[in-house]
N, C-alpha and C. Protein backbone atom coordinates (compact mmCIF):
# COMPACT_ATOMS: atom_id res chain seq x y z
N UNK A 1 -27.63 -7.97 -41.46
CA UNK A 1 -26.54 -8.94 -41.41
C UNK A 1 -26.56 -9.69 -40.08
N UNK A 2 -26.46 -10.98 -40.16
CA UNK A 2 -26.45 -11.82 -38.95
C UNK A 2 -25.12 -11.60 -38.22
N UNK A 3 -25.23 -11.21 -36.96
CA UNK A 3 -24.00 -11.05 -36.17
C UNK A 3 -23.66 -12.39 -35.55
N UNK A 4 -22.37 -12.67 -35.50
CA UNK A 4 -22.00 -13.84 -34.73
C UNK A 4 -20.86 -13.49 -33.82
N UNK A 5 -20.93 -14.03 -32.65
CA UNK A 5 -19.89 -13.82 -31.65
C UNK A 5 -19.54 -15.15 -31.05
N UNK A 6 -18.31 -15.25 -30.59
CA UNK A 6 -17.90 -16.44 -29.87
C UNK A 6 -17.74 -16.07 -28.40
N UNK A 7 -17.93 -17.03 -27.54
CA UNK A 7 -17.73 -16.83 -26.11
C UNK A 7 -16.63 -17.75 -25.63
N UNK A 8 -15.81 -17.24 -24.74
CA UNK A 8 -14.79 -18.06 -24.08
C UNK A 8 -15.21 -18.28 -22.64
N UNK A 9 -15.09 -19.52 -22.17
CA UNK A 9 -15.46 -19.84 -20.80
C UNK A 9 -14.26 -20.42 -20.04
N UNK A 10 -14.03 -19.89 -18.86
CA UNK A 10 -13.06 -20.46 -17.93
C UNK A 10 -13.90 -21.07 -16.80
N UNK A 11 -14.12 -22.38 -16.89
CA UNK A 11 -15.06 -23.06 -16.00
C UNK A 11 -14.32 -23.59 -14.78
N UNK A 12 -14.60 -23.00 -13.64
CA UNK A 12 -13.98 -23.43 -12.40
C UNK A 12 -15.02 -24.02 -11.46
N UNK A 13 -14.57 -24.47 -10.32
CA UNK A 13 -15.49 -25.06 -9.34
C UNK A 13 -16.34 -24.00 -8.64
N UNK A 14 -15.78 -22.80 -8.47
CA UNK A 14 -16.48 -21.75 -7.74
C UNK A 14 -17.03 -20.65 -8.63
N UNK A 15 -16.35 -20.43 -9.76
CA UNK A 15 -16.76 -19.37 -10.68
C UNK A 15 -16.61 -19.82 -12.13
N UNK A 16 -17.27 -19.07 -13.00
CA UNK A 16 -17.11 -19.26 -14.44
C UNK A 16 -16.77 -17.90 -15.03
N UNK A 17 -15.57 -17.80 -15.60
CA UNK A 17 -15.18 -16.57 -16.28
C UNK A 17 -15.76 -16.60 -17.69
N UNK A 18 -16.31 -15.47 -18.12
CA UNK A 18 -16.94 -15.39 -19.44
C UNK A 18 -16.33 -14.23 -20.22
N UNK A 19 -15.90 -14.53 -21.44
CA UNK A 19 -15.39 -13.50 -22.35
C UNK A 19 -16.18 -13.60 -23.65
N UNK A 20 -16.17 -12.53 -24.41
CA UNK A 20 -16.96 -12.46 -25.63
C UNK A 20 -16.11 -11.86 -26.74
N UNK A 21 -16.32 -12.31 -27.97
CA UNK A 21 -15.56 -11.75 -29.09
C UNK A 21 -16.33 -10.57 -29.69
N UNK A 22 -15.63 -9.79 -30.48
CA UNK A 22 -16.31 -8.77 -31.28
C UNK A 22 -16.97 -9.48 -32.46
N UNK A 23 -17.91 -8.81 -33.16
CA UNK A 23 -18.62 -9.48 -34.27
C UNK A 23 -17.70 -9.94 -35.41
N UNK A 24 -16.52 -9.33 -35.53
CA UNK A 24 -15.60 -9.73 -36.59
C UNK A 24 -14.70 -10.88 -36.16
N UNK A 25 -14.87 -11.34 -34.93
CA UNK A 25 -14.13 -12.49 -34.39
C UNK A 25 -12.63 -12.25 -34.37
N UNK A 26 -12.24 -11.04 -33.99
CA UNK A 26 -10.82 -10.69 -33.93
C UNK A 26 -10.35 -10.48 -32.50
N UNK A 27 -11.20 -9.87 -31.68
CA UNK A 27 -10.77 -9.44 -30.35
C UNK A 27 -11.68 -10.01 -29.27
N UNK A 28 -11.05 -10.57 -28.25
CA UNK A 28 -11.80 -11.08 -27.10
C UNK A 28 -11.79 -10.03 -26.00
N UNK A 29 -12.93 -9.87 -25.33
CA UNK A 29 -12.93 -9.01 -24.15
C UNK A 29 -13.67 -9.68 -23.01
N UNK A 30 -13.16 -9.46 -21.81
CA UNK A 30 -13.78 -10.06 -20.63
C UNK A 30 -15.16 -9.49 -20.42
N UNK A 31 -16.12 -10.35 -20.12
CA UNK A 31 -17.49 -9.91 -19.90
C UNK A 31 -17.81 -9.90 -18.41
N UNK A 32 -17.61 -11.04 -17.75
CA UNK A 32 -17.96 -11.13 -16.34
C UNK A 32 -17.45 -12.41 -15.71
N UNK A 33 -17.52 -12.44 -14.40
CA UNK A 33 -17.25 -13.66 -13.65
C UNK A 33 -18.53 -14.02 -12.92
N UNK A 34 -19.00 -15.24 -13.18
CA UNK A 34 -20.26 -15.71 -12.60
C UNK A 34 -19.95 -16.58 -11.38
N UNK A 35 -20.55 -16.25 -10.26
CA UNK A 35 -20.39 -17.10 -9.08
C UNK A 35 -21.27 -18.33 -9.24
N UNK A 36 -20.71 -19.51 -9.04
CA UNK A 36 -21.47 -20.73 -9.26
C UNK A 36 -22.42 -21.02 -8.10
N UNK A 37 -23.60 -21.59 -8.46
CA UNK A 37 -24.59 -21.98 -7.46
C UNK A 37 -24.83 -23.47 -7.62
N UNK A 38 -25.90 -23.83 -8.33
CA UNK A 38 -26.14 -25.24 -8.64
C UNK A 38 -25.89 -25.42 -10.13
N UNK A 39 -25.71 -26.66 -10.56
CA UNK A 39 -25.45 -26.94 -11.97
C UNK A 39 -26.56 -26.35 -12.85
N UNK A 40 -27.82 -26.60 -12.48
CA UNK A 40 -28.95 -26.11 -13.29
C UNK A 40 -28.96 -24.59 -13.37
N UNK A 41 -28.78 -23.93 -12.22
CA UNK A 41 -28.77 -22.47 -12.20
C UNK A 41 -27.61 -21.92 -13.03
N UNK A 42 -26.46 -22.57 -12.91
CA UNK A 42 -25.28 -22.13 -13.66
C UNK A 42 -25.54 -22.24 -15.16
N UNK A 43 -26.09 -23.38 -15.58
CA UNK A 43 -26.37 -23.59 -17.00
C UNK A 43 -27.35 -22.55 -17.51
N UNK A 44 -28.43 -22.31 -16.75
CA UNK A 44 -29.44 -21.33 -17.17
C UNK A 44 -28.84 -19.94 -17.27
N UNK A 45 -28.03 -19.56 -16.29
CA UNK A 45 -27.42 -18.23 -16.28
C UNK A 45 -26.48 -18.06 -17.48
N UNK A 46 -25.64 -19.05 -17.73
CA UNK A 46 -24.68 -18.96 -18.84
C UNK A 46 -25.43 -18.91 -20.17
N UNK A 47 -26.44 -19.77 -20.33
CA UNK A 47 -27.20 -19.79 -21.59
C UNK A 47 -27.89 -18.45 -21.83
N UNK A 48 -28.45 -17.85 -20.78
CA UNK A 48 -29.11 -16.55 -20.91
C UNK A 48 -28.12 -15.49 -21.40
N UNK A 49 -26.92 -15.50 -20.84
CA UNK A 49 -25.88 -14.55 -21.23
C UNK A 49 -25.47 -14.79 -22.69
N UNK A 50 -25.29 -16.06 -23.06
CA UNK A 50 -24.87 -16.40 -24.43
C UNK A 50 -25.92 -15.97 -25.45
N UNK A 51 -27.20 -16.17 -25.10
CA UNK A 51 -28.27 -15.77 -26.02
C UNK A 51 -28.34 -14.26 -26.15
N UNK A 52 -28.24 -13.58 -25.01
CA UNK A 52 -28.28 -12.12 -25.00
C UNK A 52 -27.15 -11.54 -25.85
N UNK A 53 -25.98 -12.19 -25.83
CA UNK A 53 -24.81 -11.71 -26.57
C UNK A 53 -24.76 -12.25 -28.00
N UNK A 54 -25.77 -13.01 -28.40
CA UNK A 54 -25.85 -13.59 -29.76
C UNK A 54 -24.64 -14.46 -30.08
N UNK A 55 -24.28 -15.30 -29.13
CA UNK A 55 -23.13 -16.18 -29.30
C UNK A 55 -23.51 -17.38 -30.16
N UNK A 56 -22.64 -17.73 -31.12
CA UNK A 56 -22.89 -18.89 -31.98
C UNK A 56 -21.96 -20.06 -31.67
N UNK A 57 -20.84 -19.78 -30.97
CA UNK A 57 -19.89 -20.84 -30.67
C UNK A 57 -19.29 -20.58 -29.30
N UNK A 58 -19.13 -21.67 -28.53
CA UNK A 58 -18.55 -21.58 -27.19
C UNK A 58 -17.16 -22.23 -27.21
N UNK A 59 -16.17 -21.49 -26.72
CA UNK A 59 -14.82 -22.02 -26.59
C UNK A 59 -14.57 -22.21 -25.10
N UNK A 60 -14.51 -23.48 -24.70
CA UNK A 60 -14.33 -23.80 -23.28
C UNK A 60 -12.86 -24.14 -23.04
N UNK A 61 -12.30 -23.50 -22.05
CA UNK A 61 -10.92 -23.79 -21.69
C UNK A 61 -10.82 -25.17 -21.06
N UNK A 62 -9.94 -26.00 -21.59
CA UNK A 62 -9.78 -27.36 -21.07
C UNK A 62 -8.44 -27.45 -20.35
N UNK A 63 -8.50 -27.67 -19.03
CA UNK A 63 -7.25 -27.71 -18.27
C UNK A 63 -6.56 -29.07 -18.37
N UNK A 64 -5.66 -29.20 -19.33
CA UNK A 64 -4.91 -30.44 -19.47
C UNK A 64 -3.77 -30.45 -18.46
N UNK A 65 -3.32 -31.66 -18.11
CA UNK A 65 -2.11 -31.77 -17.30
C UNK A 65 -0.91 -31.48 -18.20
N UNK A 66 0.23 -31.20 -17.60
CA UNK A 66 1.40 -30.85 -18.39
C UNK A 66 1.82 -31.99 -19.32
N UNK A 67 1.48 -33.24 -18.97
CA UNK A 67 1.82 -34.37 -19.85
C UNK A 67 0.70 -34.64 -20.87
N UNK A 68 -0.22 -33.68 -21.00
CA UNK A 68 -1.29 -33.72 -21.99
C UNK A 68 -2.47 -34.61 -21.59
N UNK A 69 -2.40 -35.26 -20.43
CA UNK A 69 -3.53 -36.10 -20.01
C UNK A 69 -4.63 -35.23 -19.43
N UNK A 70 -5.81 -35.81 -19.27
CA UNK A 70 -6.96 -35.09 -18.70
C UNK A 70 -7.19 -35.58 -17.29
N UNK A 71 -7.15 -34.65 -16.34
CA UNK A 71 -7.37 -35.00 -14.94
C UNK A 71 -8.81 -34.78 -14.52
N UNK A 72 -9.09 -34.89 -13.22
CA UNK A 72 -10.45 -34.72 -12.70
C UNK A 72 -11.04 -33.35 -13.02
N UNK A 73 -10.23 -32.30 -12.98
CA UNK A 73 -10.74 -30.96 -13.29
C UNK A 73 -11.19 -30.88 -14.75
N UNK A 74 -10.43 -31.48 -15.65
CA UNK A 74 -10.81 -31.49 -17.07
C UNK A 74 -12.13 -32.24 -17.25
N UNK A 75 -12.31 -33.33 -16.51
CA UNK A 75 -13.57 -34.09 -16.61
C UNK A 75 -14.75 -33.22 -16.17
N UNK A 76 -14.55 -32.46 -15.08
CA UNK A 76 -15.63 -31.58 -14.58
C UNK A 76 -15.97 -30.51 -15.61
N UNK A 77 -14.94 -29.94 -16.23
CA UNK A 77 -15.14 -28.92 -17.27
C UNK A 77 -15.92 -29.53 -18.44
N UNK A 78 -15.51 -30.73 -18.87
CA UNK A 78 -16.15 -31.36 -20.02
C UNK A 78 -17.60 -31.74 -19.71
N UNK A 79 -17.86 -32.19 -18.49
CA UNK A 79 -19.24 -32.50 -18.10
C UNK A 79 -20.12 -31.26 -18.19
N UNK A 80 -19.63 -30.15 -17.64
CA UNK A 80 -20.39 -28.90 -17.68
C UNK A 80 -20.58 -28.44 -19.12
N UNK A 81 -19.50 -28.43 -19.89
CA UNK A 81 -19.54 -27.93 -21.27
C UNK A 81 -20.48 -28.77 -22.13
N UNK A 82 -20.47 -30.08 -21.92
CA UNK A 82 -21.35 -30.96 -22.69
C UNK A 82 -22.82 -30.69 -22.36
N UNK A 83 -23.11 -30.51 -21.08
CA UNK A 83 -24.48 -30.17 -20.67
C UNK A 83 -24.91 -28.84 -21.28
N UNK A 84 -23.99 -27.89 -21.29
CA UNK A 84 -24.26 -26.57 -21.88
C UNK A 84 -24.58 -26.71 -23.36
N UNK A 85 -23.79 -27.51 -24.05
CA UNK A 85 -24.00 -27.74 -25.48
C UNK A 85 -25.36 -28.40 -25.73
N UNK A 86 -25.68 -29.43 -24.93
CA UNK A 86 -26.95 -30.14 -25.10
C UNK A 86 -28.14 -29.22 -24.87
N UNK A 87 -28.04 -28.36 -23.85
CA UNK A 87 -29.16 -27.48 -23.51
C UNK A 87 -29.29 -26.29 -24.45
N UNK A 88 -28.16 -25.77 -24.93
CA UNK A 88 -28.19 -24.54 -25.72
C UNK A 88 -28.19 -24.80 -27.23
N UNK A 89 -27.69 -25.97 -27.64
CA UNK A 89 -27.58 -26.26 -29.06
C UNK A 89 -26.43 -25.53 -29.74
N UNK A 90 -25.59 -24.86 -28.95
CA UNK A 90 -24.46 -24.11 -29.53
C UNK A 90 -23.29 -25.03 -29.85
N UNK A 91 -22.52 -24.62 -30.83
CA UNK A 91 -21.29 -25.34 -31.18
C UNK A 91 -20.31 -25.20 -30.01
N UNK A 92 -19.58 -26.27 -29.73
CA UNK A 92 -18.64 -26.28 -28.61
C UNK A 92 -17.26 -26.70 -29.07
N UNK A 93 -16.25 -25.93 -28.67
CA UNK A 93 -14.86 -26.25 -28.99
C UNK A 93 -14.06 -26.17 -27.69
N UNK A 94 -13.11 -27.09 -27.53
CA UNK A 94 -12.22 -27.02 -26.37
C UNK A 94 -10.91 -26.37 -26.77
N UNK A 95 -10.39 -25.51 -25.91
CA UNK A 95 -9.12 -24.84 -26.15
C UNK A 95 -8.22 -25.17 -24.97
N UNK A 96 -7.01 -25.62 -25.27
CA UNK A 96 -6.06 -25.92 -24.21
C UNK A 96 -5.85 -24.65 -23.38
N UNK A 97 -6.02 -24.75 -22.08
CA UNK A 97 -5.89 -23.54 -21.25
C UNK A 97 -4.93 -23.77 -20.11
N UNK A 98 -3.95 -24.66 -20.34
CA UNK A 98 -3.02 -25.00 -19.26
C UNK A 98 -2.52 -23.82 -18.47
N UNK A 99 -2.12 -22.76 -19.15
CA UNK A 99 -1.45 -21.68 -18.43
C UNK A 99 -2.26 -20.40 -18.41
N UNK A 100 -3.55 -20.47 -18.77
CA UNK A 100 -4.32 -19.22 -18.88
C UNK A 100 -4.48 -18.52 -17.54
N UNK A 101 -4.71 -19.26 -16.46
CA UNK A 101 -4.88 -18.61 -15.15
C UNK A 101 -3.55 -18.03 -14.67
N UNK A 102 -2.47 -18.77 -14.94
CA UNK A 102 -1.14 -18.28 -14.59
C UNK A 102 -0.85 -16.99 -15.37
N UNK A 103 -1.15 -17.01 -16.65
CA UNK A 103 -0.92 -15.83 -17.50
C UNK A 103 -1.81 -14.67 -17.06
N UNK A 104 -3.06 -14.97 -16.73
CA UNK A 104 -3.99 -13.93 -16.28
C UNK A 104 -3.48 -13.27 -15.01
N UNK A 105 -3.00 -14.08 -14.08
CA UNK A 105 -2.44 -13.53 -12.84
C UNK A 105 -1.23 -12.66 -13.13
N UNK A 106 -0.39 -13.10 -14.06
CA UNK A 106 0.80 -12.33 -14.40
C UNK A 106 0.41 -10.97 -14.96
N UNK A 107 -0.59 -10.95 -15.85
CA UNK A 107 -1.07 -9.69 -16.43
C UNK A 107 -1.53 -8.75 -15.30
N UNK A 108 -2.28 -9.31 -14.36
CA UNK A 108 -2.82 -8.49 -13.27
C UNK A 108 -1.71 -7.98 -12.35
N UNK A 109 -0.74 -8.83 -12.07
CA UNK A 109 0.37 -8.43 -11.20
C UNK A 109 1.18 -7.33 -11.88
N UNK A 110 1.44 -7.51 -13.19
CA UNK A 110 2.19 -6.50 -13.93
C UNK A 110 1.41 -5.20 -14.02
N UNK A 111 0.09 -5.28 -13.96
CA UNK A 111 -0.75 -4.08 -14.00
C UNK A 111 -0.95 -3.50 -12.61
N UNK A 112 -0.25 -4.06 -11.64
CA UNK A 112 -0.28 -3.59 -10.25
C UNK A 112 -1.68 -3.67 -9.62
N UNK A 113 -2.43 -4.70 -9.99
CA UNK A 113 -3.74 -4.92 -9.39
C UNK A 113 -3.54 -5.63 -8.05
N UNK A 114 -4.18 -5.12 -7.01
CA UNK A 114 -3.98 -5.69 -5.67
C UNK A 114 -4.55 -7.10 -5.60
N UNK A 115 -3.95 -7.92 -4.74
CA UNK A 115 -4.30 -9.33 -4.66
C UNK A 115 -5.80 -9.56 -4.46
N UNK A 116 -6.44 -8.81 -3.56
CA UNK A 116 -7.87 -9.06 -3.29
C UNK A 116 -8.73 -8.71 -4.51
N UNK A 117 -8.26 -7.78 -5.32
CA UNK A 117 -8.99 -7.43 -6.54
C UNK A 117 -8.69 -8.41 -7.67
N UNK A 118 -7.48 -9.00 -7.65
CA UNK A 118 -7.12 -9.99 -8.69
C UNK A 118 -8.09 -11.16 -8.66
N UNK A 119 -8.41 -11.62 -7.45
CA UNK A 119 -9.31 -12.78 -7.32
C UNK A 119 -10.63 -12.55 -8.04
N UNK A 120 -11.11 -11.31 -8.03
CA UNK A 120 -12.42 -11.00 -8.62
C UNK A 120 -12.41 -11.06 -10.14
N UNK A 121 -11.26 -10.80 -10.74
CA UNK A 121 -11.24 -10.68 -12.20
C UNK A 121 -10.39 -11.72 -12.92
N UNK A 122 -9.66 -12.55 -12.16
CA UNK A 122 -8.71 -13.46 -12.80
C UNK A 122 -9.42 -14.45 -13.74
N UNK A 123 -10.62 -14.93 -13.38
CA UNK A 123 -11.32 -15.91 -14.22
C UNK A 123 -11.82 -15.26 -15.52
N UNK A 124 -12.29 -14.02 -15.40
CA UNK A 124 -12.75 -13.29 -16.59
C UNK A 124 -11.57 -13.08 -17.54
N UNK A 125 -10.40 -12.75 -16.99
CA UNK A 125 -9.22 -12.54 -17.83
C UNK A 125 -8.74 -13.86 -18.41
N UNK A 126 -8.79 -14.93 -17.62
CA UNK A 126 -8.42 -16.26 -18.13
C UNK A 126 -9.33 -16.63 -19.31
N UNK A 127 -10.63 -16.36 -19.17
CA UNK A 127 -11.59 -16.64 -20.25
C UNK A 127 -11.24 -15.82 -21.49
N UNK A 128 -10.82 -14.58 -21.28
CA UNK A 128 -10.44 -13.71 -22.39
C UNK A 128 -9.22 -14.28 -23.11
N UNK A 129 -8.24 -14.76 -22.35
CA UNK A 129 -7.04 -15.35 -22.96
C UNK A 129 -7.37 -16.63 -23.73
N UNK A 130 -8.25 -17.45 -23.16
CA UNK A 130 -8.68 -18.70 -23.84
C UNK A 130 -9.30 -18.35 -25.19
N UNK A 131 -10.22 -17.39 -25.17
CA UNK A 131 -10.92 -17.00 -26.40
C UNK A 131 -9.95 -16.35 -27.40
N UNK A 132 -9.09 -15.46 -26.90
CA UNK A 132 -8.16 -14.77 -27.81
C UNK A 132 -7.20 -15.77 -28.46
N UNK A 133 -6.73 -16.74 -27.69
CA UNK A 133 -5.85 -17.77 -28.26
C UNK A 133 -6.57 -18.55 -29.36
N UNK A 134 -7.84 -18.84 -29.14
CA UNK A 134 -8.62 -19.55 -30.15
C UNK A 134 -8.78 -18.68 -31.41
N UNK A 135 -9.16 -17.42 -31.22
CA UNK A 135 -9.35 -16.51 -32.36
C UNK A 135 -8.07 -16.35 -33.15
N UNK A 136 -6.95 -16.20 -32.43
CA UNK A 136 -5.66 -16.01 -33.10
C UNK A 136 -5.24 -17.27 -33.87
N UNK A 137 -5.65 -18.43 -33.39
CA UNK A 137 -5.21 -19.68 -34.00
C UNK A 137 -6.05 -20.15 -35.15
N UNK A 138 -7.12 -19.41 -35.48
CA UNK A 138 -8.02 -19.87 -36.55
C UNK A 138 -7.40 -19.72 -37.92
């Protein structure tokens, strides 16, 4: 049986949070936070991870402004995601992620994770929330 998994990406300027779904596309779990280097290296690293995890669809968190417009950060995310799609051939979907980082931080604070440790995992958790919201909304 062909396995399919979806990946959630929280694409930031310094890091990319990566989450992965289970094969039944019900549950998202955080995979890792990738430290960004150059665009080419980032694309190669993400594609290698997606192939290794047998990902068939990428859900990229799109940071809209509260008035629903797209700002400079959204443009950067879309540029990266489009390049990823072109290079990998994977299906790409955008998921509104306005509050995912805020929500991720709240989860970590409520879990009593210390501030210096929160920084290390917040993007991975944001990616998990982006993917879980997409899975739940299907």
